[in-house]
Amino acid sequence: MSYDWKGEQTARRHEIRVALSVAAAAIVLAALFPLVL
């Protein structure tokens, strides 16, 4: 049970990291988009 719980925690942490990376990329693109145009 503890191993499965630990696996869920790791997966959830990975999802959060991916979400933050996507959000950061979106913010950077939004900031650079006017400069490109």
Protein backbone atom coordinates (compact mmCIF):
# COMPACT_ATOMS: atom_id res chain seq x y z
CA MET A 1 0.00 0.00 0.00
CA SER A 2 2.76 2.44 0.95
CA TYR A 3 4.58 1.74 -2.32
CA ASP A 4 1.44 2.50 -4.36
CA TRP A 5 0.86 5.66 -2.31
CA LYS A 6 4.44 6.74 -2.93
CA GLY A 7 3.99 6.06 -6.64
CA GLU A 8 0.86 8.21 -6.69
CA GLN A 9 2.69 11.03 -4.91
CA THR A 10 5.53 10.87 -7.46
CA ALA A 11 3.11 10.83 -10.40
CA ARG A 12 1.15 13.74 -8.96
CA ARG A 13 4.37 15.70 -8.38
CA HIS A 14 5.39 14.99 -11.98
CA GLU A 15 2.00 16.24 -13.23
CA ILE A 16 2.46 19.46 -11.23
CA ARG A 17 5.96 19.92 -12.68
CA VAL A 18 4.64 19.41 -16.22
CA ALA A 19 1.78 21.86 -15.59
CA LEU A 20 4.22 24.48 -14.28
CA SER A 21 6.50 23.96 -17.28
CA VAL A 22 3.59 24.42 -19.68
CA ALA A 23 2.43 27.53 -17.82
CA ALA A 24 5.95 28.98 -17.85
CA ALA A 25 6.29 28.28 -21.58
CA ALA A 26 2.92 29.95 -22.23
CA ILE A 27 3.97 33.03 -20.24
CA VAL A 28 7.29 33.26 -22.12
CA LEU A 29 5.52 32.89 -25.48
CA ALA A 30 2.97 35.54 -24.50
CA ALA A 31 5.81 37.88 -23.51
CA LEU A 32 7.84 37.29 -26.69
CA PHE A 33 4.89 37.21 -29.11
CA PRO A 34 4.54 41.03 -29.39
CA LEU A 35 8.32 41.32 -29.89
CA VAL A 36 8.21 38.88 -32.80
CA LEU A 37 5.38 40.84 -34.40
